[in-house]
Amino acid sequence: MSEDELETLITQTINGAVATIPSYLEEIKENKEIFKVENPKEFVYGIVIGMALGMSGAILSAQKEMPTKDDQIKVRDIVYKYIPEIRERIFN
C-alpha cells in the first residue's frame, strides 16, 4: 500500500470517528452514572484518537505482512497530524 493510499484510509477513519463525537457526548451525558467521567470532551478525544490509531493499525495488519515499526510510526505521524483538527471539533 502506498503512503498516499494509507493516508487516504486513515483520513477516512478519522472522519468516521469524528462524525461520532456528538453521539458519544450525548451518550456520556445520558449515562453519567455509569461512565463517571469528569471531562466528557477529554474522554471523547481519547476515544477518537484510539479509534483512529486502532483502526489504522487493523488496516495495516490486514495486509500480507505484519506492519513494521516504521509502518506503525507512519500511521502515528499521519494521525497526529490531524490532532489540532480533532481537538477543534471536540472542544469548540
C-alpha atoms as a PDB file:
ATOM      1  CA  MET A   1       0.000   0.000   0.000  1.00  0.00           C
ATOM      2  CA  SER A   2       1.393   3.368  -0.945  1.00  0.00           C
ATOM      3  CA  GLU A   3       1.742   6.145   1.582  1.00  0.00           C
ATOM      4  CA  ASP A   4      -0.967   8.149  -0.224  1.00  0.00           C
ATOM      5  CA  GLU A   5      -3.375   5.198  -0.029  1.00  0.00           C
ATOM      6  CA  LEU A   6      -2.548   4.761   3.649  1.00  0.00           C
ATOM      7  CA  GLU A   7      -3.159   8.421   4.351  1.00  0.00           C
ATOM      8  CA  THR A   8      -6.481   8.301   2.487  1.00  0.00           C
ATOM      9  CA  LEU A   9      -7.628   5.316   4.568  1.00  0.00           C
ATOM     10  CA  ILE A  10      -6.522   6.973   7.797  1.00  0.00           C
ATOM     11  CA  THR A  11      -8.280  10.203   6.821  1.00  0.00           C
ATOM     12  CA  GLN A  12     -11.497   8.257   6.138  1.00  0.00           C
ATOM     13  CA  THR A  13     -11.133   6.502   9.503  1.00  0.00           C
ATOM     14  CA  ILE A  14     -10.631   9.809  11.304  1.00  0.00           C
ATOM     15  CA  ASN A  15     -13.607  11.384   9.525  1.00  0.00           C
ATOM     16  CA  GLY A  16     -15.761   8.450  10.592  1.00  0.00           C
ATOM     17  CA  ALA A  17     -14.547   8.715  14.184  1.00  0.00           C
ATOM     18  CA  VAL A  18     -15.081  12.481  14.253  1.00  0.00           C
ATOM     19  CA  ALA A  19     -18.639  12.009  12.985  1.00  0.00           C
ATOM     20  CA  THR A  20     -19.395  10.037  16.168  1.00  0.00           C
ATOM     21  CA  ILE A  21     -18.391  12.865  18.526  1.00  0.00           C
ATOM     22  CA  PRO A  22     -21.910  14.269  19.118  1.00  0.00           C
ATOM     23  CA  SER A  23     -23.379  10.827  19.821  1.00  0.00           C
ATOM     24  CA  TYR A  24     -20.579   9.947  22.256  1.00  0.00           C
ATOM     25  CA  LEU A  25     -21.014  13.233  24.127  1.00  0.00           C
ATOM     26  CA  GLU A  26     -24.773  12.642  24.340  1.00  0.00           C
ATOM     27  CA  GLU A  27     -24.312   9.052  25.474  1.00  0.00           C
ATOM     28  CA  ILE A  28     -21.930  10.143  28.233  1.00  0.00           C
ATOM     29  CA  LYS A  29     -24.395  12.825  29.315  1.00  0.00           C
ATOM     30  CA  GLU A  30     -27.265  10.322  29.441  1.00  0.00           C
ATOM     31  CA  ASN A  31     -25.204   7.688  31.278  1.00  0.00           C
ATOM     32  CA  LYS A  32     -23.030   9.787  33.570  1.00  0.00           C
ATOM     33  CA  GLU A  33     -23.640   7.436  36.499  1.00  0.00           C
ATOM     34  CA  ILE A  34     -22.230   4.522  34.507  1.00  0.00           C
ATOM     35  CA  PHE A  35     -19.295   6.332  32.880  1.00  0.00           C
ATOM     36  CA  LYS A  36     -18.345   8.525  35.856  1.00  0.00           C
ATOM     37  CA  VAL A  37     -16.333  10.759  33.541  1.00  0.00           C
ATOM     38  CA  GLU A  38     -15.093  14.071  34.892  1.00  0.00           C
ATOM     39  CA  ASN A  39     -14.400  15.654  31.496  1.00  0.00           C
ATOM     40  CA  PRO A  40     -16.552  14.173  28.711  1.00  0.00           C
ATOM     41  CA  LYS A  41     -14.744  16.067  25.953  1.00  0.00           C
ATOM     42  CA  GLU A  42     -11.319  14.733  27.007  1.00  0.00           C
ATOM     43  CA  PHE A  43     -12.819  11.257  27.244  1.00  0.00           C
ATOM     44  CA  VAL A  44     -14.254  11.517  23.719  1.00  0.00           C
ATOM     45  CA  TYR A  45     -10.941  12.894  22.469  1.00  0.00           C
ATOM     46  CA  GLY A  46      -9.278   9.715  23.763  1.00  0.00           C
ATOM     47  CA  ILE A  47     -11.918   7.560  22.088  1.00  0.00           C
ATOM     48  CA  VAL A  48     -11.456   9.286  18.722  1.00  0.00           C
ATOM     49  CA  ILE A  49      -7.643   9.102  18.811  1.00  0.00           C
ATOM     50  CA  GLY A  50      -7.859   5.466  19.931  1.00  0.00           C
ATOM     51  CA  MET A  51     -10.251   4.647  17.100  1.00  0.00           C
ATOM     52  CA  ALA A  52      -8.007   6.345  14.553  1.00  0.00           C
ATOM     53  CA  LEU A  53      -4.871   4.563  15.734  1.00  0.00           C
ATOM     54  CA  GLY A  54      -6.600   1.216  16.282  1.00  0.00           C
ATOM     55  CA  MET A  55      -8.472   1.058  13.016  1.00  0.00           C
ATOM     56  CA  SER A  56      -5.446   2.238  11.061  1.00  0.00           C
ATOM     57  CA  GLY A  57      -3.365  -0.457  12.718  1.00  0.00           C
ATOM     58  CA  ALA A  58      -6.012  -3.019  11.836  1.00  0.00           C
ATOM     59  CA  ILE A  59      -5.944  -1.897   8.198  1.00  0.00           C
ATOM     60  CA  LEU A  60      -2.184  -2.335   8.118  1.00  0.00           C
ATOM     61  CA  SER A  61      -2.434  -5.738   9.784  1.00  0.00           C
ATOM     62  CA  ALA A  62      -4.848  -6.891   7.096  1.00  0.00           C
ATOM     63  CA  GLN A  63      -2.067  -6.548   4.529  1.00  0.00           C
ATOM     64  CA  LYS A  64       0.036  -9.552   3.576  1.00  0.00           C
ATOM     65  CA  GLU A  65       2.722  -8.833   6.167  1.00  0.00           C
ATOM     66  CA  MET A  66       2.582  -7.639   9.743  1.00  0.00           C
ATOM     67  CA  PRO A  67       3.208  -3.902   9.993  1.00  0.00           C
ATOM     68  CA  THR A  68       6.772  -2.960  10.796  1.00  0.00           C
ATOM     69  CA  LYS A  69       7.776  -0.452  13.432  1.00  0.00           C
ATOM     70  CA  ASP A  70       8.271   2.078  10.616  1.00  0.00           C
ATOM     71  CA  ASP A  71       4.730   1.378   9.335  1.00  0.00           C
ATOM     72  CA  GLN A  72       3.343   1.987  12.809  1.00  0.00           C
ATOM     73  CA  ILE A  73       5.298   5.232  13.106  1.00  0.00           C
ATOM     74  CA  LYS A  74       3.893   6.374   9.734  1.00  0.00           C
ATOM     75  CA  VAL A  75       0.371   5.702  10.977  1.00  0.00           C
ATOM     76  CA  ARG A  76       1.050   7.548  14.218  1.00  0.00           C
ATOM     77  CA  ASP A  77       2.516  10.534  12.367  1.00  0.00           C
ATOM     78  CA  ILE A  78      -0.462  10.731   9.999  1.00  0.00           C
ATOM     79  CA  VAL A  79      -2.965  10.511  12.872  1.00  0.00           C
ATOM     80  CA  TYR A  80      -1.046  13.056  14.953  1.00  0.00           C
ATOM     81  CA  LYS A  81      -1.167  15.481  12.007  1.00  0.00           C
ATOM     82  CA  TYR A  82      -4.952  15.587  12.492  1.00  0.00           C
ATOM     83  CA  ILE A  83      -4.889  16.240  16.259  1.00  0.00           C
ATOM     84  CA  PRO A  84      -5.453  20.017  16.007  1.00  0.00           C
ATOM     85  CA  GLU A  85      -8.491  19.457  13.760  1.00  0.00           C
ATOM     86  CA  ILE A  86      -9.870  16.734  16.034  1.00  0.00           C
ATOM     87  CA  ARG A  87      -9.429  18.905  19.147  1.00  0.00           C
ATOM     88  CA  GLU A  88     -11.091  21.818  17.332  1.00  0.00           C
ATOM     89  CA  ARG A  89     -14.131  19.651  16.503  1.00  0.00           C
ATOM     90  CA  ILE A  90     -14.471  18.440  20.093  1.00  0.00           C
ATOM     91  CA  PHE A  91     -13.632  21.481  22.161  1.00  0.00           C
ATOM     92  CA  ASN A  92     -15.117  24.313  20.094  1.00  0.00           C
END
